[in-house]
N, C-alpha and C. Protein backbone atom coordinates (compact mmCIF):
# COMPACT_ATOMS: atom_id res chain seq x y z
N MET A 1 10.96 -153.43 14.47
CA MET A 1 11.96 -152.67 15.01
C MET A 1 11.19 -151.29 15.33
N ASN A 2 11.72 -150.59 16.63
CA ASN A 2 11.13 -149.43 17.14
C ASN A 2 11.97 -148.29 16.82
N VAL A 3 11.91 -147.12 16.90
CA VAL A 3 12.46 -145.76 16.43
C VAL A 3 12.06 -144.76 17.62
N PHE A 4 13.12 -144.36 18.16
CA PHE A 4 12.95 -143.43 19.21
C PHE A 4 13.21 -142.11 19.03
N ASP A 5 12.71 -140.81 19.28
CA ASP A 5 13.62 -139.77 19.11
C ASP A 5 13.97 -139.93 20.67
N PHE A 6 14.90 -139.00 20.96
CA PHE A 6 15.66 -138.63 22.22
C PHE A 6 14.97 -137.86 22.88
N ASP A 7 15.33 -136.36 22.22
CA ASP A 7 14.62 -135.18 23.54
C ASP A 7 13.17 -135.25 23.59
N ASN A 8 13.00 -135.04 25.03
CA ASN A 8 11.37 -134.94 25.36
C ASN A 8 10.73 -136.45 25.26
N THR A 9 11.59 -137.73 24.86
CA THR A 9 11.02 -138.44 24.40
C THR A 9 11.40 -139.60 25.29
N LEU A 10 12.96 -139.81 25.53
CA LEU A 10 14.16 -140.85 26.20
C LEU A 10 14.52 -140.05 27.33
N TYR A 11 14.98 -138.37 27.10
CA TYR A 11 15.33 -137.39 27.67
C TYR A 11 14.51 -136.54 28.29
N ARG A 12 14.01 -136.42 29.42
CA ARG A 12 13.24 -134.93 29.84
C ARG A 12 13.84 -133.90 29.75
N GLY A 13 13.44 -133.34 28.60
CA GLY A 13 13.75 -132.03 28.17
C GLY A 13 14.72 -132.28 26.67
N GLU A 14 15.41 -130.74 26.65
CA GLU A 14 16.40 -130.58 25.46
C GLU A 14 17.57 -130.54 25.82
N SER A 15 18.05 -131.86 25.29
CA SER A 15 19.38 -131.63 25.76
C SER A 15 20.33 -130.95 25.57
N SER A 16 20.14 -130.25 24.34
CA SER A 16 20.97 -129.28 23.43
C SER A 16 21.08 -127.90 24.25
N ILE A 17 19.75 -127.74 24.83
CA ILE A 17 19.44 -126.70 25.43
C ILE A 17 20.30 -126.58 26.63
N ASP A 18 19.84 -127.76 27.50
CA ASP A 18 20.51 -128.39 28.78
C ASP A 18 22.26 -128.16 28.47
N PHE A 19 22.54 -128.76 27.72
CA PHE A 19 24.02 -128.53 27.51
C PHE A 19 24.72 -127.42 27.15
N ALA A 20 24.02 -126.41 26.14
CA ALA A 20 24.12 -124.92 26.43
C ALA A 20 24.48 -124.50 27.88
N LEU A 21 23.24 -124.39 28.41
CA LEU A 21 23.19 -123.93 29.84
C LEU A 21 24.42 -124.47 30.83
N TYR A 22 24.64 -125.79 30.59
CA TYR A 22 25.54 -126.07 31.20
C TYR A 22 27.44 -125.66 30.75
N MET A 23 27.14 -125.44 29.76
CA MET A 23 28.71 -124.57 29.37
C MET A 23 28.88 -123.38 29.70
N ILE A 24 27.66 -122.71 30.00
CA ILE A 24 27.61 -121.33 31.14
C ILE A 24 29.04 -121.04 31.98
N ARG A 25 29.10 -122.40 32.40
CA ARG A 25 29.65 -122.47 33.64
C ARG A 25 31.47 -122.49 33.16
N ILE A 26 31.67 -122.80 31.85
CA ILE A 26 32.84 -122.51 31.13
C ILE A 26 33.27 -121.10 30.75
N ASN A 27 32.05 -120.30 29.73
CA ASN A 27 31.98 -119.49 28.90
C ASN A 27 30.82 -118.44 29.58
N GLN A 28 30.86 -117.65 30.12
CA GLN A 28 29.35 -116.74 30.66
C GLN A 28 28.81 -116.04 29.33
N LYS A 29 29.49 -115.81 28.12
CA LYS A 29 29.50 -115.19 26.89
C LYS A 29 27.82 -115.76 26.47
N ILE A 30 27.92 -116.84 26.78
CA ILE A 30 26.51 -117.57 26.41
C ILE A 30 25.31 -117.28 27.13
N ILE A 31 25.39 -116.42 27.91
CA ILE A 31 24.24 -115.78 28.50
C ILE A 31 23.70 -114.78 27.51
N LEU A 32 24.58 -114.33 26.83
CA LEU A 32 24.10 -113.14 26.06
C LEU A 32 23.10 -113.78 25.01
N TRP A 33 23.49 -115.17 24.54
CA TRP A 33 22.68 -115.88 23.39
C TRP A 33 21.45 -116.52 23.79
N LEU A 34 21.15 -117.20 25.09
CA LEU A 34 20.23 -117.26 25.82
C LEU A 34 18.92 -116.85 25.01
N PRO A 35 18.56 -115.39 25.02
CA PRO A 35 17.08 -114.95 24.31
C PRO A 35 17.03 -115.59 23.03
N LYS A 36 18.13 -115.92 22.04
CA LYS A 36 17.91 -116.14 20.98
C LYS A 36 17.98 -117.57 20.87
N LEU A 37 18.41 -118.23 21.80
CA LEU A 37 18.52 -119.67 21.96
C LEU A 37 17.07 -120.04 22.23
N PHE A 38 16.36 -119.70 23.15
CA PHE A 38 14.86 -119.95 23.45
C PHE A 38 14.01 -119.48 22.63
N TRP A 39 14.18 -118.62 21.86
CA TRP A 39 13.27 -117.59 20.88
C TRP A 39 13.27 -118.75 19.58
N ASN A 40 14.75 -119.83 19.14
CA ASN A 40 14.91 -120.38 18.32
C ASN A 40 13.77 -121.48 18.70
N LEU A 41 14.15 -122.09 19.97
CA LEU A 41 13.44 -123.78 20.76
C LEU A 41 11.98 -123.37 20.23
N LEU A 42 11.44 -122.15 20.91
CA LEU A 42 9.78 -121.78 20.76
C LEU A 42 9.46 -122.11 19.32
N LYS A 43 10.32 -121.33 18.29
CA LYS A 43 9.76 -121.67 16.85
C LYS A 43 9.86 -122.80 16.29
N TYR A 44 10.65 -123.58 16.85
CA TYR A 44 11.09 -125.23 16.54
C TYR A 44 9.96 -126.23 17.09
N LYS A 45 9.63 -125.76 18.30
CA LYS A 45 8.52 -126.40 18.77
C LYS A 45 7.06 -125.95 18.36
N LEU A 46 7.07 -124.74 17.55
CA LEU A 46 5.90 -124.71 16.89
C LEU A 46 5.78 -124.84 15.61
N CYS A 47 6.97 -125.72 15.01
CA CYS A 47 7.18 -126.05 13.78
C CYS A 47 7.47 -124.85 12.86
N LEU A 48 8.12 -123.72 13.14
CA LEU A 48 8.00 -122.44 12.26
C LEU A 48 9.54 -122.27 11.79
N VAL A 49 10.62 -123.42 11.81
CA VAL A 49 11.84 -123.05 11.30
C VAL A 49 12.03 -124.27 10.17
N ASN A 50 12.89 -123.82 9.30
CA ASN A 50 13.24 -124.54 8.21
C ASN A 50 14.78 -125.19 8.73
N LYS A 51 15.20 -126.22 7.83
CA LYS A 51 16.49 -126.71 8.37
C LYS A 51 17.65 -125.62 7.97
N ARG A 52 17.25 -124.79 6.96
CA ARG A 52 18.24 -123.87 7.01
C ARG A 52 18.73 -122.76 7.68
N TYR A 53 17.57 -122.37 8.56
CA TYR A 53 17.51 -121.39 9.51
C TYR A 53 18.18 -122.05 10.83
N MET A 54 17.97 -123.37 10.98
CA MET A 54 18.47 -124.18 12.18
C MET A 54 19.65 -124.09 11.94
N GLU A 55 19.72 -124.42 10.96
CA GLU A 55 21.60 -124.76 10.59
C GLU A 55 22.69 -123.66 10.77
N LYS A 56 21.81 -122.42 10.28
CA LYS A 56 23.10 -121.03 10.50
C LYS A 56 23.08 -120.60 12.32
N SER A 57 21.57 -120.83 12.35
CA SER A 57 21.79 -120.87 13.80
C SER A 57 22.70 -121.33 14.74
N ILE A 58 22.72 -122.88 14.69
CA ILE A 58 23.60 -123.45 15.09
C ILE A 58 24.90 -123.30 15.10
N ASN A 59 25.26 -123.11 13.50
CA ASN A 59 26.74 -123.04 13.24
C ASN A 59 27.32 -121.18 13.95
N ASP A 60 26.24 -120.23 14.14
CA ASP A 60 26.71 -118.99 14.46
C ASP A 60 27.14 -119.06 15.76
N ALA A 61 26.13 -119.91 16.71
CA ALA A 61 26.36 -120.17 18.09
C ALA A 61 27.69 -120.93 18.35
N MET A 62 27.93 -121.83 17.50
CA MET A 62 29.44 -122.72 17.69
C MET A 62 30.51 -121.98 17.45
N LYS A 63 30.34 -121.11 16.63
CA LYS A 63 31.64 -120.23 16.28
C LYS A 63 31.99 -119.20 17.31
N ARG A 64 30.83 -118.56 18.12
CA ARG A 64 30.84 -117.93 18.88
C ARG A 64 31.67 -118.76 20.37
N PHE A 65 31.24 -120.08 20.58
CA PHE A 65 31.47 -120.57 22.22
C PHE A 65 32.15 -121.66 22.14
N ILE A 66 32.32 -122.19 21.12
CA ILE A 66 33.17 -123.46 21.07
C ILE A 66 34.41 -123.15 20.99
N ARG A 67 35.60 -123.34 21.94
CA ARG A 67 37.38 -122.94 21.64
C ARG A 67 37.62 -124.44 21.07
N SER A 68 37.37 -125.34 21.34
CA SER A 68 38.03 -126.73 21.17
C SER A 68 37.22 -127.50 21.21
N GLU A 69 37.33 -128.79 20.29
CA GLU A 69 36.83 -129.91 20.20
C GLU A 69 37.28 -130.70 21.71
N GLN A 70 38.27 -130.79 22.26
CA GLN A 70 38.70 -131.24 23.60
C GLN A 70 38.09 -130.81 24.79
N GLU A 71 37.52 -129.23 24.58
CA GLU A 71 36.50 -128.62 25.45
C GLU A 71 35.41 -129.42 25.51
N VAL A 72 34.68 -129.34 24.18
CA VAL A 72 33.50 -129.76 24.21
C VAL A 72 33.22 -131.42 24.58
N LEU A 73 34.21 -132.03 24.28
CA LEU A 73 34.28 -133.62 24.69
C LEU A 73 34.38 -133.71 26.36
N SER A 74 35.08 -132.90 27.05
CA SER A 74 35.23 -132.70 28.52
C SER A 74 33.88 -132.11 29.23
N LEU A 75 33.34 -131.14 28.32
CA LEU A 75 32.15 -130.73 28.80
C LEU A 75 31.32 -132.02 28.88
N THR A 76 30.88 -132.62 27.71
CA THR A 76 30.04 -133.51 27.54
C THR A 76 30.35 -134.33 28.71
N ASP A 77 31.34 -135.11 29.31
CA ASP A 77 31.56 -136.13 30.08
C ASP A 77 31.08 -135.47 31.52
N GLY A 78 31.52 -134.04 31.76
CA GLY A 78 30.60 -133.45 32.88
C GLY A 78 29.00 -133.21 33.20
N PHE A 79 28.82 -132.80 31.75
CA PHE A 79 27.20 -132.80 31.54
C PHE A 79 26.67 -134.19 31.95
N TRP A 80 26.91 -135.13 31.40
CA TRP A 80 26.25 -136.29 31.73
C TRP A 80 26.29 -136.88 33.10
N LYS A 81 27.46 -136.51 34.03
CA LYS A 81 27.41 -136.80 35.24
C LYS A 81 26.88 -136.17 36.02
N THR A 82 25.73 -135.01 35.52
CA THR A 82 24.94 -134.15 36.54
C THR A 82 23.60 -134.28 35.61
N HIS A 83 23.06 -134.81 34.65
CA HIS A 83 22.06 -134.98 33.79
C HIS A 83 21.73 -136.25 33.15
N ILE A 84 22.47 -137.08 33.54
CA ILE A 84 21.83 -138.73 33.56
C ILE A 84 20.87 -138.99 34.13
N ARG A 85 20.18 -138.13 35.21
CA ARG A 85 18.84 -138.55 36.04
C ARG A 85 17.92 -138.13 34.98
N LYS A 86 18.09 -137.23 33.97
CA LYS A 86 17.03 -136.68 33.04
C LYS A 86 16.71 -137.85 32.12
N LEU A 87 17.61 -139.14 32.05
CA LEU A 87 16.83 -139.87 31.27
C LEU A 87 15.69 -140.49 31.73
N ASP A 88 14.57 -140.91 31.00
CA ASP A 88 13.21 -141.40 31.45
C ASP A 88 13.52 -143.27 31.53
N ARG A 89 13.63 -143.78 32.62
CA ARG A 89 14.15 -145.12 32.76
C ARG A 89 13.20 -146.29 32.32
N SER A 90 11.80 -145.64 32.32
CA SER A 90 10.50 -146.32 31.84
C SER A 90 10.35 -146.41 30.27
N MET A 91 10.89 -145.34 29.52
CA MET A 91 11.10 -145.41 27.99
C MET A 91 12.25 -145.96 27.76
N LEU A 92 13.53 -145.99 28.51
CA LEU A 92 14.68 -147.25 28.39
C LEU A 92 14.22 -148.50 27.92
N LYS A 93 13.21 -148.94 29.19
CA LYS A 93 13.18 -149.86 29.45
C LYS A 93 12.58 -150.35 28.18
N ARG A 94 11.75 -149.78 27.26
CA ARG A 94 10.90 -150.22 26.04
C ARG A 94 12.14 -150.61 24.73
N ILE A 95 13.54 -149.81 24.91
CA ILE A 95 14.51 -150.16 23.91
C ILE A 95 15.35 -151.66 23.82
N HIS A 96 15.21 -152.09 22.61
CA HIS A 96 15.90 -153.46 22.53
C HIS A 96 17.28 -152.82 21.85
N LYS A 97 18.12 -154.24 21.65
CA LYS A 97 19.29 -154.09 21.13
C LYS A 97 19.16 -153.62 19.39
N ASP A 98 18.03 -154.05 18.76
CA ASP A 98 18.03 -153.75 17.51
C ASP A 98 17.43 -152.55 16.91
N ASP A 99 16.65 -151.68 18.41
CA ASP A 99 16.19 -150.51 17.96
C ASP A 99 16.92 -149.31 17.81
N ILE A 100 16.25 -148.14 17.21
CA ILE A 100 17.02 -147.23 16.77
C ILE A 100 16.66 -145.94 17.71
N ILE A 101 17.48 -145.09 17.80
CA ILE A 101 17.39 -143.88 18.42
C ILE A 101 17.89 -142.90 17.50
N ILE A 102 16.84 -141.87 17.28
CA ILE A 102 17.07 -140.95 16.21
C ILE A 102 16.61 -139.43 16.75
N THR A 103 17.87 -138.33 16.47
CA THR A 103 17.43 -137.29 17.17
C THR A 103 17.82 -136.09 16.18
N ALA A 104 17.75 -135.05 16.52
CA ALA A 104 18.31 -133.78 15.92
C ALA A 104 19.61 -133.55 16.68
N GLY A 105 19.39 -133.68 18.13
CA GLY A 105 20.80 -133.35 18.76
C GLY A 105 22.00 -133.84 18.13
N PRO A 106 23.29 -133.43 18.50
CA PRO A 106 24.66 -133.76 17.98
C PRO A 106 25.31 -135.22 18.34
N SER A 107 25.66 -136.15 17.70
CA SER A 107 26.32 -137.21 17.93
C SER A 107 27.01 -137.28 19.03
N PHE A 108 28.36 -136.36 18.97
CA PHE A 108 29.15 -136.07 20.62
C PHE A 108 28.08 -136.18 21.73
N LEU A 109 27.11 -135.70 21.82
CA LEU A 109 26.54 -135.62 22.83
C LEU A 109 25.88 -137.19 23.29
N LEU A 110 25.31 -137.62 22.52
CA LEU A 110 24.72 -139.12 22.94
C LEU A 110 25.62 -140.10 22.91
N ASN A 111 26.91 -139.98 22.00
CA ASN A 111 28.01 -140.84 22.38
C ASN A 111 28.50 -140.58 23.95
N GLY A 112 28.10 -139.91 24.30
CA GLY A 112 28.63 -139.91 26.31
C GLY A 112 27.71 -140.90 26.77
N ILE A 113 26.76 -141.15 26.48
CA ILE A 113 25.94 -141.89 27.24
C ILE A 113 25.72 -143.10 26.74
N LYS A 114 26.22 -143.55 25.85
CA LYS A 114 25.74 -144.87 24.55
C LYS A 114 25.28 -145.86 25.52
N LYS A 115 26.21 -146.37 26.74
CA LYS A 115 26.14 -147.57 27.32
C LYS A 115 24.95 -147.78 28.20
N HIS A 116 24.32 -146.39 28.27
CA HIS A 116 23.04 -146.27 29.32
C HIS A 116 21.73 -146.56 28.16
N LEU A 117 22.00 -146.36 26.46
CA LEU A 117 20.69 -146.07 25.93
C LEU A 117 20.25 -147.52 25.28
N ARG A 118 20.65 -148.50 25.87
CA ARG A 118 20.23 -149.85 25.61
C ARG A 118 20.45 -150.45 23.86
N THR A 119 20.94 -149.57 23.07
CA THR A 119 21.38 -149.83 21.54
C THR A 119 22.67 -148.82 21.07
N SER A 120 23.25 -149.51 20.25
CA SER A 120 24.16 -148.70 19.90
C SER A 120 23.61 -148.13 18.46
N ASN A 121 22.44 -148.16 17.78
CA ASN A 121 22.01 -148.11 16.69
C ASN A 121 21.22 -146.33 17.04
N MET A 122 22.22 -145.11 16.56
CA MET A 122 21.69 -144.05 16.82
C MET A 122 22.15 -143.31 15.48
N ILE A 123 21.03 -142.12 15.05
CA ILE A 123 21.29 -141.53 13.85
C ILE A 123 20.80 -139.80 14.73
N CYS A 124 22.05 -139.20 14.41
CA CYS A 124 22.13 -137.94 15.22
C CYS A 124 22.61 -137.38 13.90
N SER A 125 22.48 -135.64 14.70
CA SER A 125 23.12 -134.86 13.63
C SER A 125 24.71 -134.70 13.89
N GLU A 126 25.22 -134.51 12.60
CA GLU A 126 26.92 -134.43 12.65
C GLU A 126 27.32 -133.05 12.79
N VAL A 127 28.37 -133.40 14.03
CA VAL A 127 29.15 -131.80 13.46
C VAL A 127 30.24 -132.00 13.85
N ASP A 128 31.24 -131.13 13.05
CA ASP A 128 32.36 -131.07 13.04
C ASP A 128 33.03 -130.02 13.87
N LEU A 129 33.57 -130.58 15.24
CA LEU A 129 33.80 -129.62 16.17
C LEU A 129 35.36 -128.68 16.16
N GLU A 130 36.24 -129.45 15.18
CA GLU A 130 37.15 -128.72 15.17
C GLU A 130 37.15 -127.39 14.01
N ASN A 131 36.02 -127.58 13.13
CA ASN A 131 35.72 -126.17 12.14
C ASN A 131 34.30 -125.72 12.54
N LYS A 132 34.05 -126.26 13.62
CA LYS A 132 32.53 -125.63 14.36
C LYS A 132 31.48 -125.27 13.63
N CYS A 133 31.04 -126.28 12.97
CA CYS A 133 30.14 -126.22 11.76
C CYS A 133 29.48 -127.68 11.77
N VAL A 134 27.84 -127.70 11.37
CA VAL A 134 27.00 -128.29 11.34
C VAL A 134 27.28 -129.27 9.90
N VAL A 135 27.48 -131.07 10.12
CA VAL A 135 28.17 -131.11 8.53
C VAL A 135 26.55 -131.72 7.99
N TYR A 136 25.85 -132.55 8.96
CA TYR A 136 24.40 -132.93 8.37
C TYR A 136 23.47 -132.83 9.84
N LEU A 137 22.45 -132.12 9.60
CA LEU A 137 21.38 -131.50 10.39
C LEU A 137 20.29 -132.74 10.16
N ASN A 138 19.73 -133.79 11.11
CA ASN A 138 19.37 -134.39 11.32
C ASN A 138 17.69 -134.16 11.59
N PHE A 139 17.04 -133.29 10.93
CA PHE A 139 16.33 -132.62 11.51
C PHE A 139 15.00 -132.66 10.16
N SER A 140 13.74 -132.93 11.08
CA SER A 140 12.54 -133.00 10.03
C SER A 140 12.66 -133.63 9.06
N ASP A 141 12.41 -134.10 7.43
CA ASP A 141 12.83 -134.90 6.69
C ASP A 141 14.15 -135.44 6.52
N ASN A 142 14.92 -134.70 6.98
CA ASN A 142 16.32 -135.29 6.81
C ASN A 142 16.25 -136.57 7.88
N LYS A 143 15.65 -137.02 8.62
CA LYS A 143 15.32 -137.61 9.64
C LYS A 143 15.23 -138.76 8.78
N VAL A 144 14.38 -138.85 7.85
CA VAL A 144 13.79 -140.06 6.90
C VAL A 144 15.15 -140.29 6.22
N ARG A 145 15.67 -139.42 5.39
CA ARG A 145 16.46 -139.47 4.58
C ARG A 145 17.75 -140.17 5.25
N ARG A 146 18.12 -139.83 6.37
CA ARG A 146 19.26 -140.75 6.86
C ARG A 146 18.61 -142.17 7.17
N TYR A 147 17.45 -142.11 7.81
CA TYR A 147 17.28 -143.57 8.18
C TYR A 147 16.89 -144.12 6.87
N ARG A 148 16.79 -143.98 5.48
CA ARG A 148 16.54 -144.50 4.71
C ARG A 148 18.14 -144.86 4.39
N GLU A 149 19.02 -144.14 4.38
CA GLU A 149 20.74 -144.39 4.12
C GLU A 149 21.21 -145.71 4.47
N LYS A 150 20.69 -145.72 5.82
CA LYS A 150 21.34 -146.58 6.65
C LYS A 150 20.13 -147.57 7.02
N HIS A 151 19.11 -147.64 6.74
CA HIS A 151 18.06 -149.02 6.89
C HIS A 151 17.45 -149.30 5.78
N GLY A 152 17.43 -148.66 4.61
CA GLY A 152 16.66 -148.87 3.69
C GLY A 152 15.31 -148.93 3.83
N ASP A 153 14.27 -149.73 2.95
CA ASP A 153 12.86 -149.58 3.43
C ASP A 153 12.44 -150.45 4.57
N LYS A 154 13.33 -150.91 5.61
CA LYS A 154 13.35 -151.83 6.78
C LYS A 154 11.83 -150.91 7.26
N PRO A 155 10.90 -151.73 7.60
CA PRO A 155 9.34 -151.24 8.39
C PRO A 155 10.21 -150.59 9.49
N ILE A 156 9.20 -149.67 9.86
CA ILE A 156 9.41 -149.14 11.73
C ILE A 156 7.98 -149.84 11.88
N ASP A 157 8.32 -150.49 13.11
CA ASP A 157 6.79 -150.84 13.84
C ASP A 157 6.25 -149.62 14.69
N CYS A 158 7.12 -149.26 15.60
CA CYS A 158 6.74 -148.32 16.18
C CYS A 158 7.62 -147.05 16.35
N PHE A 159 6.82 -145.97 16.46
CA PHE A 159 7.88 -144.86 16.19
C PHE A 159 7.39 -144.04 17.55
N TYR A 160 8.29 -143.56 18.78
CA TYR A 160 7.94 -142.93 19.90
C TYR A 160 8.70 -141.35 19.63
N THR A 161 7.95 -140.56 19.74
CA THR A 161 8.23 -138.84 19.69
C THR A 161 7.38 -137.87 20.68
N ASP A 162 7.79 -136.81 20.74
CA ASP A 162 6.81 -135.99 21.34
C ASP A 162 6.52 -134.60 20.59
N SER A 163 6.82 -134.70 19.32
CA SER A 163 6.49 -133.53 18.68
C SER A 163 6.05 -134.04 17.03
N PHE A 164 5.26 -133.04 16.68
CA PHE A 164 4.90 -133.22 15.35
C PHE A 164 5.75 -132.58 14.52
N ASN A 165 7.09 -132.07 14.46
CA ASN A 165 8.50 -131.81 14.31
C ASN A 165 8.55 -132.99 13.27
N ASP A 166 8.49 -134.38 13.91
CA ASP A 166 8.61 -135.31 13.72
C ASP A 166 7.78 -136.26 12.34
N LYS A 167 7.08 -135.21 11.94
CA LYS A 167 5.85 -135.83 10.69
C LYS A 167 6.15 -136.96 9.78
N ALA A 168 7.54 -136.54 9.25
CA ALA A 168 7.91 -137.46 8.12
C ALA A 168 8.34 -138.30 8.77
N MET A 169 9.01 -138.78 9.52
CA MET A 169 9.45 -140.09 10.27
C MET A 169 7.81 -140.67 10.74
N MET A 170 6.73 -139.99 11.16
CA MET A 170 5.35 -140.80 11.60
C MET A 170 4.66 -141.10 10.20
N ASP A 171 4.96 -140.60 9.02
CA ASP A 171 4.68 -141.09 8.05
C ASP A 171 4.94 -142.43 7.81
N ILE A 172 6.22 -142.71 7.65
CA ILE A 172 6.96 -144.02 7.53
C ILE A 172 6.63 -144.89 8.55
N SER A 173 5.93 -144.77 9.50
CA SER A 173 5.54 -145.65 10.75
C SER A 173 4.61 -146.36 10.76
N ARG A 174 4.50 -147.71 11.03
CA ARG A 174 3.24 -148.37 11.27
C ARG A 174 2.21 -147.73 12.39
N ASN A 175 2.99 -147.63 13.37
CA ASN A 175 2.12 -147.12 14.80
C ASN A 175 3.06 -146.12 15.26
N VAL A 176 2.46 -145.16 15.41
CA VAL A 176 3.06 -143.79 16.29
C VAL A 176 2.39 -143.63 17.64
N PHE A 177 3.31 -143.38 18.58
CA PHE A 177 2.94 -142.76 19.94
C PHE A 177 3.85 -141.83 20.11
N ILE A 178 2.93 -140.48 20.82
CA ILE A 178 3.14 -139.18 21.08
C ILE A 178 3.85 -139.51 22.79
N VAL A 179 4.96 -139.19 23.37
CA VAL A 179 5.07 -139.25 24.73
C VAL A 179 5.25 -137.68 25.17
N LYS A 180 4.75 -137.10 26.36
CA LYS A 180 4.14 -136.18 27.08
C LYS A 180 4.65 -136.52 28.48
N LYS A 181 5.77 -135.66 29.26
CA LYS A 181 5.95 -136.26 30.53
C LYS A 181 5.43 -137.42 30.93
N GLY A 182 6.19 -138.56 30.18
CA GLY A 182 6.35 -139.93 30.71
C GLY A 182 4.97 -140.53 30.41
N LYS A 183 4.03 -139.75 29.76
CA LYS A 183 2.85 -140.76 29.45
C LYS A 183 2.66 -140.54 27.79
N VAL A 184 2.68 -142.28 27.29
CA VAL A 184 2.45 -142.63 25.81
C VAL A 184 1.35 -142.74 25.39
N ARG A 185 0.81 -142.31 24.20
CA ARG A 185 -0.60 -142.30 23.47
C ARG A 185 -0.17 -142.79 22.37
N ARG A 186 -0.79 -143.70 22.05
CA ARG A 186 -0.69 -143.82 20.71
C ARG A 186 -1.81 -142.98 19.66
N ILE A 187 -1.38 -142.56 18.68
CA ILE A 187 -2.05 -141.89 17.55
C ILE A 187 -1.99 -142.08 16.31
N LYS A 188 -1.25 -143.42 15.80
CA LYS A 188 -1.62 -143.68 14.87
C LYS A 188 -1.18 -145.67 14.59
């Protein structure tokens, strides 16, 4: 069984950032939050943030910018109409029915394109849109925790990711591949 990270592995870019930018069409106040968003993204990419900080930042943003669950789900549909092109077709071809996609991104975002992902096995962050809060942040070692809750000690043959933020997942995988701009390089 293989496991694939989503952002910058199967999707060219950070889907949650792209979704926040897409939401500006509905709520221009998000523009004021963009510097903090990009600063947090930089700290995330440099492995300088912890789960508690990420969760607080996400919850703060959701409370400011989400009006209703229905609005978010409607925006998700519109988002994928314009962003489906950012899925990496060559990486998607590697996915088999029993493989898993694991991501820090919210489940509502990936559920919008489930039929394009070649597997229904997804482990995502869980968000309560009604209460505008993160229920489970699937980030860092939480990815391993959730993987083990769902799949026990089932071995991971190959793990594909773009980031060393996924070191915990790398540690439990037989083979690890780093994906950068569509190029795949084995590191373990």
